[in-house]
Amino acid sequence: MNDKDNNDKKDKKTWNISVDQKPFDWTSQFITGLEVKTLVHAPATKGVWLKIPGPNDDLPVADTDRIDLGLQQGREHFFTGDTQTTEG
């Protein structure tokens, strides 16, 4: 391995995320809802949310929504689930 190869690996930034409590290293600053689902093999019918700390509601993430992972310090937490519930 030469110095260029070493520098290329050092320059590759990764973002630490978790999806359904499973940790992942993501190599892009942005991630879509569809990419989140793909990581955990969630069906297309499931929804994705970004966990928001504190009393605020969690943020729904549509398949085409792009979340900027560079805005927050630390790990971003996503979760998947049913998008609609039925009474019963």
N, C-alpha and C. Protein backbone atom coordinates (compact mmCIF):
# COMPACT_ATOMS: atom_id res chain seq x y z
N MET A 1 0.85 -1.18 0.00
CA MET A 1 0.00 0.00 0.00
C MET A 1 0.89 1.23 0.00
N ASN A 2 0.55 2.21 -0.83
CA ASN A 2 1.38 3.41 -0.89
C ASN A 2 0.74 4.54 -0.08
N ASP A 3 1.45 5.68 -0.04
CA ASP A 3 0.96 6.82 0.76
C ASP A 3 -0.38 7.34 0.26
N LYS A 4 -0.58 7.32 -1.07
CA LYS A 4 -1.86 7.80 -1.61
C LYS A 4 -3.01 6.94 -1.09
N ASP A 5 -2.84 5.61 -1.07
CA ASP A 5 -3.88 4.74 -0.55
C ASP A 5 -4.18 5.04 0.91
N ASN A 6 -3.13 5.27 1.70
CA ASN A 6 -3.32 5.60 3.11
C ASN A 6 -4.07 6.91 3.28
N ASN A 7 -3.70 7.92 2.47
CA ASN A 7 -4.37 9.22 2.55
C ASN A 7 -5.83 9.12 2.14
N ASP A 8 -6.13 8.32 1.09
CA ASP A 8 -7.50 8.15 0.65
C ASP A 8 -8.36 7.58 1.77
N LYS A 9 -7.85 6.61 2.50
CA LYS A 9 -8.61 6.00 3.59
C LYS A 9 -8.80 6.99 4.73
N LYS A 10 -7.80 7.82 5.02
CA LYS A 10 -7.92 8.80 6.09
C LYS A 10 -8.94 9.87 5.73
N ASP A 11 -9.03 10.21 4.42
CA ASP A 11 -9.94 11.26 3.98
C ASP A 11 -11.40 10.81 3.94
N LYS A 12 -11.67 9.52 4.00
CA LYS A 12 -13.03 9.01 3.94
C LYS A 12 -13.71 9.22 5.29
N LYS A 13 -14.61 10.19 5.36
CA LYS A 13 -15.34 10.44 6.60
C LYS A 13 -16.52 9.48 6.68
N THR A 14 -16.78 9.02 7.87
CA THR A 14 -17.96 8.20 8.08
C THR A 14 -18.81 8.84 9.17
N TRP A 15 -20.10 8.63 9.05
CA TRP A 15 -21.05 9.11 10.04
C TRP A 15 -21.63 7.91 10.76
N ASN A 16 -21.67 7.99 12.06
CA ASN A 16 -22.22 6.90 12.86
C ASN A 16 -23.72 7.11 13.01
N ILE A 17 -24.48 6.11 12.58
CA ILE A 17 -25.93 6.17 12.73
C ILE A 17 -26.39 4.86 13.35
N SER A 18 -27.61 4.87 13.85
CA SER A 18 -28.22 3.61 14.27
C SER A 18 -29.62 3.56 13.65
N VAL A 19 -30.01 2.36 13.27
CA VAL A 19 -31.34 2.13 12.72
C VAL A 19 -31.92 0.95 13.48
N ASP A 20 -33.05 1.16 14.11
CA ASP A 20 -33.68 0.11 14.92
C ASP A 20 -32.68 -0.49 15.91
N GLN A 21 -31.90 0.39 16.53
CA GLN A 21 -30.91 0.06 17.56
C GLN A 21 -29.72 -0.75 17.04
N LYS A 22 -29.51 -0.77 15.71
CA LYS A 22 -28.34 -1.43 15.13
C LYS A 22 -27.40 -0.35 14.61
N PRO A 23 -26.11 -0.42 15.00
CA PRO A 23 -25.16 0.63 14.57
C PRO A 23 -24.68 0.40 13.13
N PHE A 24 -24.48 1.51 12.42
CA PHE A 24 -23.95 1.49 11.06
C PHE A 24 -22.98 2.64 10.89
N ASP A 25 -21.97 2.45 10.05
CA ASP A 25 -21.09 3.52 9.60
C ASP A 25 -21.53 3.88 8.18
N TRP A 26 -21.88 5.14 7.96
CA TRP A 26 -22.38 5.60 6.67
C TRP A 26 -21.33 6.51 6.06
N THR A 27 -21.02 6.34 4.78
CA THR A 27 -19.90 7.06 4.16
C THR A 27 -20.32 8.30 3.38
N SER A 28 -21.56 8.73 3.51
CA SER A 28 -22.03 9.94 2.86
C SER A 28 -22.61 10.86 3.94
N GLN A 29 -22.51 12.16 3.71
CA GLN A 29 -23.05 13.11 4.68
C GLN A 29 -24.58 13.10 4.69
N PHE A 30 -25.18 12.59 3.63
CA PHE A 30 -26.64 12.58 3.52
C PHE A 30 -27.14 11.15 3.42
N ILE A 31 -28.35 10.92 3.94
CA ILE A 31 -29.00 9.62 3.83
C ILE A 31 -30.49 9.86 3.61
N THR A 32 -31.09 9.03 2.75
CA THR A 32 -32.52 9.14 2.48
C THR A 32 -33.29 8.12 3.31
N GLY A 33 -34.59 8.33 3.39
CA GLY A 33 -35.43 7.36 4.09
C GLY A 33 -35.34 5.98 3.46
N LEU A 34 -35.29 5.92 2.13
CA LEU A 34 -35.18 4.63 1.44
C LEU A 34 -33.86 3.94 1.78
N GLU A 35 -32.78 4.70 1.87
CA GLU A 35 -31.49 4.11 2.23
C GLU A 35 -31.51 3.58 3.66
N VAL A 36 -32.19 4.28 4.56
CA VAL A 36 -32.33 3.80 5.93
C VAL A 36 -33.06 2.45 5.94
N LYS A 37 -34.17 2.38 5.20
CA LYS A 37 -34.92 1.12 5.12
C LYS A 37 -34.05 -0.02 4.56
N THR A 38 -33.26 0.30 3.54
CA THR A 38 -32.42 -0.72 2.90
C THR A 38 -31.41 -1.30 3.89
N LEU A 39 -30.86 -0.46 4.76
CA LEU A 39 -29.87 -0.94 5.73
C LEU A 39 -30.41 -2.06 6.61
N VAL A 40 -31.69 -1.97 6.98
CA VAL A 40 -32.27 -2.96 7.89
C VAL A 40 -33.29 -3.88 7.20
N HIS A 41 -33.29 -3.81 5.87
CA HIS A 41 -34.19 -4.67 5.08
C HIS A 41 -35.66 -4.47 5.47
N ALA A 42 -36.03 -3.23 5.76
CA ALA A 42 -37.42 -2.92 6.11
C ALA A 42 -38.27 -2.91 4.85
N PRO A 43 -39.48 -3.43 4.93
CA PRO A 43 -40.38 -3.40 3.77
C PRO A 43 -40.69 -1.96 3.34
N ALA A 44 -41.01 -1.80 2.08
CA ALA A 44 -41.33 -0.47 1.54
C ALA A 44 -42.52 0.15 2.23
N THR A 45 -43.39 -0.67 2.81
CA THR A 45 -44.59 -0.15 3.47
C THR A 45 -44.31 0.45 4.85
N LYS A 46 -43.13 0.23 5.39
CA LYS A 46 -42.77 0.77 6.71
C LYS A 46 -42.36 2.24 6.59
N GLY A 47 -42.52 2.97 7.67
CA GLY A 47 -42.09 4.35 7.73
C GLY A 47 -40.73 4.45 8.42
N VAL A 48 -40.09 5.60 8.28
CA VAL A 48 -38.80 5.89 8.93
C VAL A 48 -38.95 7.19 9.70
N TRP A 49 -38.37 7.23 10.90
CA TRP A 49 -38.35 8.44 11.72
C TRP A 49 -36.93 8.68 12.22
N LEU A 50 -36.59 9.96 12.36
CA LEU A 50 -35.35 10.37 12.99
C LEU A 50 -35.69 10.75 14.43
N LYS A 51 -35.02 10.12 15.38
CA LYS A 51 -35.26 10.38 16.80
C LYS A 51 -34.79 11.79 17.14
N ILE A 52 -35.70 12.55 17.73
CA ILE A 52 -35.39 13.91 18.17
C ILE A 52 -35.35 13.90 19.69
N PRO A 53 -34.20 14.26 20.29
CA PRO A 53 -34.10 14.23 21.75
C PRO A 53 -35.06 15.23 22.40
N GLY A 54 -35.47 14.92 23.61
CA GLY A 54 -36.31 15.83 24.37
C GLY A 54 -37.78 15.61 24.09
N PRO A 55 -38.58 16.62 24.40
CA PRO A 55 -40.03 16.47 24.33
C PRO A 55 -40.60 16.62 22.91
N ASN A 56 -39.77 16.98 21.94
CA ASN A 56 -40.27 17.20 20.58
C ASN A 56 -40.62 15.88 19.90
N ASP A 57 -41.55 15.95 18.94
CA ASP A 57 -41.91 14.77 18.17
C ASP A 57 -40.74 14.33 17.30
N ASP A 58 -40.64 13.01 17.09
CA ASP A 58 -39.63 12.49 16.17
C ASP A 58 -39.99 12.92 14.75
N LEU A 59 -38.99 13.03 13.89
CA LEU A 59 -39.16 13.55 12.54
C LEU A 59 -39.42 12.43 11.55
N PRO A 60 -40.60 12.42 10.90
CA PRO A 60 -40.83 11.42 9.86
C PRO A 60 -39.90 11.69 8.67
N VAL A 61 -39.37 10.63 8.08
CA VAL A 61 -38.44 10.74 6.95
C VAL A 61 -39.02 9.95 5.78
N ALA A 62 -39.46 10.66 4.75
CA ALA A 62 -39.99 10.00 3.56
C ALA A 62 -38.85 9.34 2.77
N ASP A 63 -39.21 8.44 1.88
CA ASP A 63 -38.20 7.72 1.10
C ASP A 63 -37.24 8.66 0.38
N THR A 64 -37.75 9.79 -0.11
CA THR A 64 -36.91 10.70 -0.89
C THR A 64 -36.32 11.85 -0.07
N ASP A 65 -36.69 11.94 1.21
CA ASP A 65 -36.12 12.99 2.08
C ASP A 65 -34.65 12.70 2.32
N ARG A 66 -33.82 13.76 2.25
CA ARG A 66 -32.39 13.62 2.54
C ARG A 66 -32.09 14.25 3.89
N ILE A 67 -31.53 13.47 4.78
CA ILE A 67 -31.15 13.96 6.10
C ILE A 67 -29.65 14.27 6.09
N ASP A 68 -29.29 15.46 6.53
CA ASP A 68 -27.89 15.88 6.61
C ASP A 68 -27.31 15.39 7.93
N LEU A 69 -26.44 14.41 7.85
CA LEU A 69 -25.84 13.82 9.06
C LEU A 69 -24.77 14.70 9.67
N GLY A 70 -24.38 15.76 8.98
CA GLY A 70 -23.33 16.65 9.48
C GLY A 70 -23.84 17.76 10.38
N LEU A 71 -25.15 17.84 10.58
CA LEU A 71 -25.71 18.94 11.38
C LEU A 71 -25.60 18.72 12.88
N GLN A 72 -25.57 17.48 13.32
CA GLN A 72 -25.57 17.16 14.74
C GLN A 72 -24.23 16.53 15.14
N GLN A 73 -23.87 16.70 16.38
CA GLN A 73 -22.73 15.99 16.95
C GLN A 73 -23.20 14.61 17.40
N GLY A 74 -22.40 13.61 17.21
CA GLY A 74 -22.75 12.29 17.71
C GLY A 74 -23.56 11.48 16.71
N ARG A 75 -24.10 10.39 17.20
CA ARG A 75 -24.82 9.42 16.37
C ARG A 75 -26.27 9.84 16.17
N GLU A 76 -26.72 9.74 14.92
CA GLU A 76 -28.14 9.95 14.61
C GLU A 76 -28.86 8.63 14.78
N HIS A 77 -30.05 8.68 15.37
CA HIS A 77 -30.83 7.47 15.63
C HIS A 77 -32.09 7.48 14.77
N PHE A 78 -32.24 6.45 13.95
CA PHE A 78 -33.42 6.28 13.12
C PHE A 78 -34.17 5.05 13.60
N PHE A 79 -35.46 5.02 13.34
CA PHE A 79 -36.21 3.79 13.60
C PHE A 79 -37.28 3.63 12.53
N THR A 80 -37.68 2.39 12.30
CA THR A 80 -38.70 2.08 11.31
C THR A 80 -39.93 1.53 12.04
N GLY A 81 -41.07 1.62 11.38
CA GLY A 81 -42.29 1.10 11.98
C GLY A 81 -43.48 1.29 11.06
N ASP A 82 -44.62 0.84 11.54
CA ASP A 82 -45.86 0.99 10.79
C ASP A 82 -46.20 2.47 10.66
N THR A 83 -46.66 2.84 9.49
CA THR A 83 -47.00 4.26 9.27
C THR A 83 -48.42 4.57 9.71
N GLN A 84 -49.27 3.56 9.82
CA GLN A 84 -50.64 3.78 10.26
C GLN A 84 -50.98 2.71 11.29
N THR A 85 -51.76 3.11 12.26
CA THR A 85 -52.25 2.14 13.23
C THR A 85 -53.76 2.06 13.09
N THR A 86 -54.29 0.93 13.45
CA THR A 86 -55.74 0.76 13.40
C THR A 86 -56.27 0.56 14.80
N GLU A 87 -57.46 1.03 15.03
CA GLU A 87 -58.07 0.82 16.35
C GLU A 87 -58.46 -0.61 16.50
N GLY A 88 -58.36 -1.09 17.73
CA GLY A 88 -58.81 -2.45 17.89
C GLY A 88 -58.37 -3.08 19.11
